[in-house]
Amino acid sequence: MITRMTWPELCRSNKFRGLWVAIDNCRYDHDTRQPIEGDVVDSDAELSELCARMRESGQSACTIVFCDSDVYVEPAHAFSDASQSAPAAS
């Protein structure tokens, strides 16, 4: 089930909304230290069930996050891309 996703994609995905999601190989925001991208390893509505599966499979280094519709960290490149496309003020 490993799929590489950004945090905004994960939060806005109908598949993962309302679930606890285990992500591995994370890339973190420099300022907030929150995950902004990673490999989705597993998910579950019950945190304890997800943790039990992760422990049984030996994947104990994953970050586990809850996905709702709020995106608490946008990747920095999203802001820099938008600023580059804006016309310069005269």
N, C-alpha and C. Protein backbone atom coordinates (compact mmCIF):
# COMPACT_ATOMS: atom_id res chain seq x y z
N MET A 1 0.82 -1.20 0.00
CA MET A 1 0.00 0.00 0.00
C MET A 1 0.86 1.26 0.00
N ILE A 2 2.16 1.15 -0.20
CA ILE A 2 3.02 2.32 -0.08
C ILE A 2 2.80 3.26 -1.27
N THR A 3 2.41 4.49 -0.95
CA THR A 3 2.17 5.54 -1.92
C THR A 3 2.79 6.82 -1.41
N ARG A 4 3.58 7.49 -2.23
CA ARG A 4 4.21 8.76 -1.83
C ARG A 4 3.18 9.86 -2.00
N MET A 5 2.96 10.65 -0.92
CA MET A 5 1.99 11.74 -0.97
C MET A 5 2.50 12.94 -0.17
N THR A 6 2.08 14.12 -0.59
CA THR A 6 2.36 15.31 0.20
C THR A 6 1.29 15.43 1.28
N TRP A 7 1.57 16.22 2.31
CA TRP A 7 0.60 16.41 3.38
C TRP A 7 -0.71 16.99 2.86
N PRO A 8 -0.71 18.02 2.01
CA PRO A 8 -1.98 18.52 1.48
C PRO A 8 -2.77 17.46 0.70
N GLU A 9 -2.07 16.64 -0.10
CA GLU A 9 -2.75 15.56 -0.83
C GLU A 9 -3.39 14.56 0.13
N LEU A 10 -2.66 14.23 1.16
CA LEU A 10 -3.14 13.27 2.16
C LEU A 10 -4.37 13.79 2.89
N CYS A 11 -4.32 15.04 3.34
CA CYS A 11 -5.44 15.63 4.08
C CYS A 11 -6.69 15.75 3.21
N ARG A 12 -6.50 16.07 1.96
CA ARG A 12 -7.65 16.32 1.07
C ARG A 12 -8.15 15.05 0.40
N SER A 13 -7.49 13.93 0.64
CA SER A 13 -7.88 12.67 0.03
C SER A 13 -9.08 12.07 0.75
N ASN A 14 -10.11 11.73 -0.01
CA ASN A 14 -11.28 11.07 0.58
C ASN A 14 -10.90 9.71 1.17
N LYS A 15 -9.89 9.08 0.62
CA LYS A 15 -9.46 7.76 1.09
C LYS A 15 -8.92 7.80 2.52
N PHE A 16 -8.23 8.89 2.89
CA PHE A 16 -7.57 8.95 4.19
C PHE A 16 -8.21 9.91 5.19
N ARG A 17 -9.14 10.75 4.73
CA ARG A 17 -9.77 11.73 5.63
C ARG A 17 -10.45 11.02 6.80
N GLY A 18 -10.15 11.47 8.01
CA GLY A 18 -10.73 10.88 9.21
C GLY A 18 -10.02 9.64 9.72
N LEU A 19 -8.86 9.33 9.14
CA LEU A 19 -8.10 8.15 9.54
C LEU A 19 -6.75 8.53 10.14
N TRP A 20 -6.23 7.63 10.96
CA TRP A 20 -4.83 7.71 11.39
C TRP A 20 -4.00 7.07 10.28
N VAL A 21 -2.93 7.75 9.90
CA VAL A 21 -2.11 7.27 8.78
C VAL A 21 -0.65 7.19 9.21
N ALA A 22 -0.05 6.04 8.92
CA ALA A 22 1.38 5.84 9.18
C ALA A 22 2.15 6.20 7.92
N ILE A 23 3.11 7.11 8.06
CA ILE A 23 3.94 7.51 6.92
C ILE A 23 5.41 7.30 7.27
N ASP A 24 6.16 6.91 6.26
CA ASP A 24 7.59 6.62 6.42
C ASP A 24 8.37 7.45 5.42
N ASN A 25 9.67 7.54 5.62
CA ASN A 25 10.54 8.32 4.74
C ASN A 25 10.02 9.74 4.58
N CYS A 26 9.69 10.34 5.71
CA CYS A 26 9.08 11.67 5.71
C CYS A 26 10.08 12.77 5.38
N ARG A 27 9.55 13.79 4.77
CA ARG A 27 10.27 15.06 4.59
C ARG A 27 9.53 16.03 5.49
N TYR A 28 10.28 16.77 6.33
CA TYR A 28 9.68 17.65 7.32
C TYR A 28 9.88 19.12 6.98
N ASP A 29 8.91 19.94 7.39
CA ASP A 29 9.02 21.37 7.24
C ASP A 29 10.15 21.87 8.15
N HIS A 30 11.01 22.69 7.61
CA HIS A 30 12.18 23.18 8.34
C HIS A 30 11.79 23.98 9.58
N ASP A 31 10.76 24.80 9.48
CA ASP A 31 10.38 25.68 10.59
C ASP A 31 9.50 24.99 11.63
N THR A 32 8.51 24.24 11.19
CA THR A 32 7.54 23.66 12.13
C THR A 32 7.89 22.24 12.55
N ARG A 33 8.78 21.58 11.81
CA ARG A 33 9.15 20.19 12.05
C ARG A 33 7.98 19.22 11.86
N GLN A 34 6.96 19.65 11.13
CA GLN A 34 5.81 18.81 10.82
C GLN A 34 6.07 18.08 9.50
N PRO A 35 5.56 16.86 9.34
CA PRO A 35 5.76 16.14 8.08
C PRO A 35 5.01 16.83 6.94
N ILE A 36 5.67 16.97 5.80
CA ILE A 36 5.02 17.58 4.64
C ILE A 36 4.93 16.62 3.45
N GLU A 37 5.60 15.48 3.57
CA GLU A 37 5.57 14.50 2.50
C GLU A 37 6.09 13.17 3.04
N GLY A 38 5.55 12.07 2.53
CA GLY A 38 6.05 10.77 2.97
C GLY A 38 5.38 9.63 2.24
N ASP A 39 5.85 8.44 2.53
CA ASP A 39 5.30 7.22 1.95
C ASP A 39 4.20 6.71 2.87
N VAL A 40 2.97 6.61 2.37
CA VAL A 40 1.86 6.10 3.15
C VAL A 40 2.04 4.58 3.28
N VAL A 41 2.16 4.10 4.51
CA VAL A 41 2.41 2.69 4.77
C VAL A 41 1.13 1.96 5.13
N ASP A 42 0.27 2.59 5.97
CA ASP A 42 -0.95 1.94 6.44
C ASP A 42 -1.85 3.02 7.02
N SER A 43 -3.14 2.66 7.22
CA SER A 43 -4.08 3.60 7.83
C SER A 43 -5.18 2.83 8.53
N ASP A 44 -5.83 3.50 9.49
CA ASP A 44 -6.92 2.87 10.23
C ASP A 44 -7.69 3.95 10.98
N ALA A 45 -8.97 3.70 11.21
CA ALA A 45 -9.79 4.62 12.01
C ALA A 45 -9.41 4.52 13.49
N GLU A 46 -8.87 3.38 13.89
CA GLU A 46 -8.47 3.16 15.29
C GLU A 46 -6.96 3.25 15.43
N LEU A 47 -6.50 4.21 16.21
CA LEU A 47 -5.06 4.39 16.42
C LEU A 47 -4.42 3.14 17.00
N SER A 48 -5.07 2.51 17.96
CA SER A 48 -4.49 1.32 18.60
C SER A 48 -4.32 0.17 17.60
N GLU A 49 -5.28 0.01 16.69
CA GLU A 49 -5.18 -1.04 15.67
C GLU A 49 -4.02 -0.77 14.72
N LEU A 50 -3.89 0.48 14.32
CA LEU A 50 -2.78 0.86 13.42
C LEU A 50 -1.44 0.62 14.11
N CYS A 51 -1.32 1.05 15.35
CA CYS A 51 -0.07 0.87 16.08
C CYS A 51 0.26 -0.61 16.25
N ALA A 52 -0.74 -1.43 16.53
CA ALA A 52 -0.52 -2.87 16.69
C ALA A 52 0.01 -3.48 15.39
N ARG A 53 -0.59 -3.11 14.26
CA ARG A 53 -0.12 -3.64 12.96
C ARG A 53 1.29 -3.16 12.66
N MET A 54 1.58 -1.90 12.98
CA MET A 54 2.91 -1.37 12.71
C MET A 54 3.95 -2.11 13.57
N ARG A 55 3.60 -2.35 14.82
CA ARG A 55 4.51 -3.07 15.73
C ARG A 55 4.74 -4.50 15.23
N GLU A 56 3.65 -5.18 14.83
CA GLU A 56 3.75 -6.56 14.34
C GLU A 56 4.59 -6.67 13.08
N SER A 57 4.52 -5.64 12.24
CA SER A 57 5.27 -5.68 10.98
C SER A 57 6.71 -5.17 11.14
N GLY A 58 7.05 -4.68 12.34
CA GLY A 58 8.41 -4.20 12.58
C GLY A 58 8.66 -2.81 12.07
N GLN A 59 7.62 -2.10 11.68
CA GLN A 59 7.78 -0.73 11.18
C GLN A 59 7.53 0.24 12.33
N SER A 60 8.51 0.37 13.19
CA SER A 60 8.34 1.19 14.39
C SER A 60 8.87 2.61 14.25
N ALA A 61 9.40 2.96 13.09
CA ALA A 61 9.96 4.29 12.91
C ALA A 61 9.06 5.22 12.09
N CYS A 62 7.83 4.81 11.85
CA CYS A 62 6.92 5.63 11.06
C CYS A 62 6.35 6.78 11.88
N THR A 63 6.01 7.85 11.20
CA THR A 63 5.27 8.94 11.81
C THR A 63 3.79 8.65 11.61
N ILE A 64 3.01 8.84 12.67
CA ILE A 64 1.57 8.61 12.58
C ILE A 64 0.86 9.94 12.75
N VAL A 65 0.01 10.25 11.79
CA VAL A 65 -0.72 11.53 11.79
C VAL A 65 -2.21 11.26 11.59
N PHE A 66 -3.03 12.19 12.05
CA PHE A 66 -4.47 12.09 11.82
C PHE A 66 -4.81 13.02 10.66
N CYS A 67 -5.53 12.51 9.69
CA CYS A 67 -5.85 13.30 8.50
C CYS A 67 -7.26 13.85 8.60
N ASP A 68 -7.34 15.15 8.58
CA ASP A 68 -8.64 15.81 8.45
C ASP A 68 -8.51 16.82 7.32
N SER A 69 -9.47 17.65 7.14
CA SER A 69 -9.44 18.56 5.98
C SER A 69 -8.52 19.76 6.18
N ASP A 70 -8.00 19.96 7.40
CA ASP A 70 -7.11 21.09 7.66
C ASP A 70 -5.68 20.73 7.28
N VAL A 71 -5.03 21.60 6.55
CA VAL A 71 -3.64 21.42 6.18
C VAL A 71 -2.84 22.36 7.07
N TYR A 72 -2.08 21.80 8.02
CA TYR A 72 -1.36 22.66 8.94
C TYR A 72 0.00 23.10 8.44
N VAL A 73 0.51 22.47 7.42
CA VAL A 73 1.78 22.90 6.83
C VAL A 73 1.68 22.73 5.33
N GLU A 74 1.92 23.80 4.60
CA GLU A 74 2.00 23.74 3.14
C GLU A 74 3.48 23.66 2.78
N PRO A 75 3.87 22.83 1.83
CA PRO A 75 5.27 22.79 1.41
C PRO A 75 5.74 24.17 0.95
N ALA A 76 6.97 24.52 1.28
CA ALA A 76 7.51 25.84 0.97
C ALA A 76 7.47 26.14 -0.52
N HIS A 77 7.66 25.13 -1.38
CA HIS A 77 7.70 25.39 -2.82
C HIS A 77 6.35 25.87 -3.33
N ALA A 78 5.26 25.60 -2.64
CA ALA A 78 3.94 26.07 -3.07
C ALA A 78 3.88 27.59 -3.00
N PHE A 79 4.52 28.15 -1.97
CA PHE A 79 4.53 29.60 -1.83
C PHE A 79 5.50 30.25 -2.80
N SER A 80 6.65 29.65 -2.99
CA SER A 80 7.63 30.25 -3.89
C SER A 80 7.16 30.18 -5.34
N ASP A 81 6.47 29.12 -5.73
CA ASP A 81 5.94 29.02 -7.09
C ASP A 81 4.91 30.11 -7.35
N ALA A 82 4.05 30.37 -6.37
CA ALA A 82 3.01 31.38 -6.53
C ALA A 82 3.62 32.77 -6.63
N SER A 83 4.66 33.04 -5.86
CA SER A 83 5.25 34.37 -5.89
C SER A 83 6.01 34.61 -7.21
N GLN A 84 6.51 33.56 -7.83
CA GLN A 84 7.22 33.72 -9.09
C GLN A 84 6.28 34.00 -10.26
N SER A 85 5.02 33.54 -10.14
CA SER A 85 4.10 33.72 -11.25
C SER A 85 3.35 35.04 -11.17
N ALA A 86 3.46 35.75 -10.05
CA ALA A 86 2.76 37.02 -9.90
C ALA A 86 3.52 38.10 -10.67
N PRO A 87 2.78 38.98 -11.38
CA PRO A 87 3.44 40.06 -12.12
C PRO A 87 4.04 41.08 -11.15
N ALA A 88 5.13 41.68 -11.55
CA ALA A 88 5.78 42.69 -10.73
C ALA A 88 4.96 43.96 -10.71
N ALA A 89 4.92 44.62 -9.55
CA ALA A 89 4.19 45.88 -9.40
C ALA A 89 4.97 47.01 -10.05
N SER A 90 4.26 47.93 -10.70
CA SER A 90 4.96 49.04 -11.36
C SER A 90 4.86 50.28 -10.55
